[in-house]
């Protein structure tokens, strides 16, 4: 069974976590909130295909330990979907390093906010050679008389489309015109 890791998989990416489970993956989910993890697990009959990793990913040592533990238990990770806040400067490199050591070829879908400088982030990401790196940028929705941020469902649906299409840069919603942002 293929193994996926979803960082932030109980919130806006919960639909992605459940979709990966339904697609036959074993999914390790990094989250901080045990109640939201429990709610997510109650939405699938395949609870045995989910490994909760209840940690704060800003703690680098604990993150590294948990990634190693889930790889030991569930096998090499084939796909990572990561929404990582800027306060965790080393989290993505820790994940990439641990996954790369145990998997010849894997995919990273890096979810980013609307104001992110994609080129700068890609340079900082220090992606290993055996990683296929994709960026997913989240925008907004222009409703004509007003604009709004994407809903969790729209975000999950967009990320699932990005995973299916495997485009180097995939935009969910719209980024322009910039002055229309909510």
Protein backbone atom coordinates (compact mmCIF):
# COMPACT_ATOMS: atom_id res chain seq x y z
CA UNK A 1 0.00 0.00 0.00
CA UNK A 2 1.31 3.45 -0.87
CA UNK A 3 1.93 5.83 2.01
CA UNK A 4 0.99 9.53 2.03
CA UNK A 5 1.80 12.26 4.55
CA UNK A 6 -0.53 15.25 4.91
CA UNK A 7 0.65 18.19 7.01
CA UNK A 8 -2.37 20.07 8.32
CA UNK A 9 -4.67 17.28 7.23
CA UNK A 10 -7.53 17.82 9.69
CA UNK A 11 -8.39 21.40 8.73
CA UNK A 12 -8.52 22.87 5.26
CA UNK A 13 -6.88 19.74 3.85
CA UNK A 14 -9.22 17.27 5.56
CA UNK A 15 -10.93 16.50 2.24
CA UNK A 16 -7.52 15.66 0.75
CA UNK A 17 -6.72 13.32 3.65
CA UNK A 18 -10.00 11.45 3.23
CA UNK A 19 -9.64 11.32 -0.58
CA UNK A 20 -6.17 9.77 -0.27
CA UNK A 21 -7.55 7.16 2.16
CA UNK A 22 -10.39 6.38 -0.26
CA UNK A 23 -7.82 6.17 -3.09
CA UNK A 24 -6.08 3.33 -1.29
CA UNK A 25 -3.26 5.14 0.49
CA UNK A 26 -2.25 4.71 4.08
CA UNK A 27 -2.28 8.35 5.26
CA UNK A 28 -0.19 9.72 8.11
CA UNK A 29 -1.65 13.05 9.19
CA UNK A 30 0.25 15.72 11.08
CA UNK A 31 -2.11 17.79 13.23
CA UNK A 32 -2.15 19.53 16.60
CA UNK A 33 -5.79 19.14 17.55
CA UNK A 34 -6.86 15.66 18.76
CA UNK A 35 -10.57 16.52 18.58
CA UNK A 36 -10.32 17.50 14.90
CA UNK A 37 -8.32 14.33 14.23
CA UNK A 38 -11.03 12.25 15.88
CA UNK A 39 -13.72 14.05 13.83
CA UNK A 40 -11.81 13.34 10.62
CA UNK A 41 -11.34 9.67 11.47
CA UNK A 42 -15.06 9.33 12.17
CA UNK A 43 -15.74 10.32 8.55
CA UNK A 44 -14.22 7.16 7.06
CA UNK A 45 -14.80 3.44 7.50
CA UNK A 46 -11.05 2.99 6.83
CA UNK A 47 -9.68 4.25 10.17
CA UNK A 48 -7.01 1.56 9.97
CA UNK A 49 -5.50 3.43 6.98
CA UNK A 50 -4.85 6.58 9.04
CA UNK A 51 -1.95 7.19 11.39
CA UNK A 52 -2.49 10.33 13.50
CA UNK A 53 0.70 12.27 14.24
CA UNK A 54 -0.42 14.69 16.92
CA UNK A 55 2.53 17.07 17.08
CA UNK A 56 3.42 20.70 16.71
CA UNK A 57 5.57 20.72 13.56
CA UNK A 58 7.51 23.75 14.81
CA UNK A 59 9.29 21.29 17.14
CA UNK A 60 11.93 19.98 14.73
CA UNK A 61 13.20 17.11 16.88
CA UNK A 62 9.71 15.78 17.55
CA UNK A 63 8.76 16.18 13.88
CA UNK A 64 11.81 14.20 12.77
CA UNK A 65 11.08 11.48 15.32
CA UNK A 66 7.41 11.16 14.28
CA UNK A 67 8.26 11.06 10.55
CA UNK A 68 10.78 8.28 11.22
CA UNK A 69 8.27 6.38 13.37
CA UNK A 70 5.52 6.51 10.74
CA UNK A 71 7.93 5.39 8.01
CA UNK A 72 9.05 2.46 10.19
CA UNK A 73 5.44 1.50 10.89
CA UNK A 74 3.79 2.21 7.51
CA UNK A 75 6.59 2.09 4.94
CA UNK A 76 8.23 4.70 2.73
CA UNK A 77 6.26 7.85 1.95
CA UNK A 78 5.32 8.29 -1.72
CA UNK A 79 3.48 11.60 -1.57
CA UNK A 80 3.56 14.58 0.81
CA UNK A 81 0.91 17.30 0.85
CA UNK A 82 2.15 20.13 3.04
CA UNK A 83 0.55 23.35 4.23
CA UNK A 84 3.21 24.66 6.59
CA UNK A 85 3.02 28.08 8.20
CA UNK A 86 6.05 30.36 7.97
CA UNK A 87 6.69 30.07 11.74
CA UNK A 88 8.05 26.54 11.13
CA UNK A 89 11.08 27.52 9.07
CA UNK A 90 12.72 24.06 9.13
CA UNK A 91 9.67 21.78 9.00
CA UNK A 92 9.61 21.27 5.23
CA UNK A 93 13.34 20.53 5.01
CA UNK A 94 13.09 18.06 7.91
CA UNK A 95 10.22 16.24 6.20
CA UNK A 96 11.97 16.28 2.80
CA UNK A 97 15.21 14.97 4.27
CA UNK A 98 13.57 12.10 6.16
CA UNK A 99 11.34 11.06 3.25
CA UNK A 100 14.20 11.26 0.71
CA UNK A 101 16.44 8.98 2.74
CA UNK A 102 13.91 6.15 2.51
CA UNK A 103 12.26 6.58 -0.89
CA UNK A 104 13.89 6.66 -4.32
CA UNK A 105 11.29 8.89 -5.96
CA UNK A 106 8.48 10.80 -4.25
CA UNK A 107 6.19 13.78 -4.78
CA UNK A 108 5.80 16.93 -2.72
CA UNK A 109 2.72 19.12 -3.15
CA UNK A 110 3.55 22.36 -1.33
CA UNK A 111 0.41 24.38 -0.51
CA UNK A 112 1.00 28.14 -0.27
CA UNK A 113 -0.98 31.30 0.39
CA UNK A 114 -1.98 33.91 -2.17
CA UNK A 115 0.77 36.40 -1.33
CA UNK A 116 3.58 33.85 -1.52
CA UNK A 117 6.52 34.48 -3.84
CA UNK A 118 6.63 31.04 -5.48
CA UNK A 119 10.13 31.35 -6.96
CA UNK A 120 11.64 32.53 -3.67
CA UNK A 121 9.90 29.71 -1.77
CA UNK A 122 11.09 27.09 -4.26
CA UNK A 123 14.68 28.30 -3.85
CA UNK A 124 14.41 28.15 -0.05
CA UNK A 125 12.71 24.74 -0.09
CA UNK A 126 16.00 22.97 -0.97
CA UNK A 127 14.16 20.11 -2.64
CA UNK A 128 16.14 16.84 -2.84
CA UNK A 129 16.93 15.45 -6.30
CA UNK A 130 14.64 12.43 -5.86
CA UNK A 131 11.62 14.64 -5.14
CA UNK A 132 9.13 15.83 -7.74
CA UNK A 133 8.16 19.26 -6.40
CA UNK A 134 4.82 20.94 -7.12
CA UNK A 135 3.45 24.23 -5.80
CA UNK A 136 -0.22 24.89 -5.14
CA UNK A 137 -1.09 28.53 -4.56
CA UNK A 138 -4.37 29.37 -2.87
CA UNK A 139 -6.17 32.47 -4.07
CA UNK A 140 -9.63 33.91 -3.60
CA UNK A 141 -13.02 33.95 -5.33
CA UNK A 142 -14.41 37.10 -6.98
CA UNK A 143 -18.20 37.01 -6.65
CA UNK A 144 -18.71 40.20 -8.69
CA UNK A 145 -19.81 42.66 -6.01
CA UNK A 146 -17.47 41.22 -3.39
CA UNK A 147 -14.65 38.71 -3.05
CA UNK A 148 -14.01 36.02 -0.47
CA UNK A 149 -11.35 33.54 0.57
CA UNK A 150 -11.67 29.94 -0.55
CA UNK A 151 -13.65 27.55 1.63
CA UNK A 152 -12.01 24.41 3.05
CA UNK A 153 -13.98 22.35 0.54
CA UNK A 154 -12.78 24.51 -2.38
CA UNK A 155 -9.21 24.24 -1.11
CA UNK A 156 -9.38 20.45 -0.78
CA UNK A 157 -10.99 20.07 -4.21
CA UNK A 158 -8.32 22.31 -5.76
CA UNK A 159 -5.47 20.41 -4.09
CA UNK A 160 -6.93 17.10 -5.29
CA UNK A 161 -7.06 18.49 -8.85
CA UNK A 162 -3.46 19.66 -8.53
CA UNK A 163 -2.38 16.18 -7.44
CA UNK A 164 -4.20 14.62 -10.41
CA UNK A 165 -2.84 17.12 -12.96
CA UNK A 166 0.72 17.28 -11.62
CA UNK A 167 1.40 20.77 -12.96
CA UNK A 168 4.52 22.43 -11.52
CA UNK A 169 2.42 25.40 -10.37
CA UNK A 170 -1.31 25.10 -9.84
CA UNK A 171 -3.53 27.99 -8.71
CA UNK A 172 -6.73 27.34 -6.79
CA UNK A 173 -9.14 30.24 -7.20
CA UNK A 174 -7.68 33.45 -8.57
CA UNK A 175 -4.83 35.78 -7.65
CA UNK A 176 -5.73 38.77 -9.80
CA UNK A 177 -6.74 41.49 -9.65
CA UNK A 178 -4.69 41.86 -6.48
CA UNK A 179 -6.76 44.80 -5.23
CA UNK A 180 -9.87 42.56 -5.19
CA UNK A 181 -8.43 40.30 -2.50
CA UNK A 182 -10.75 40.10 0.54
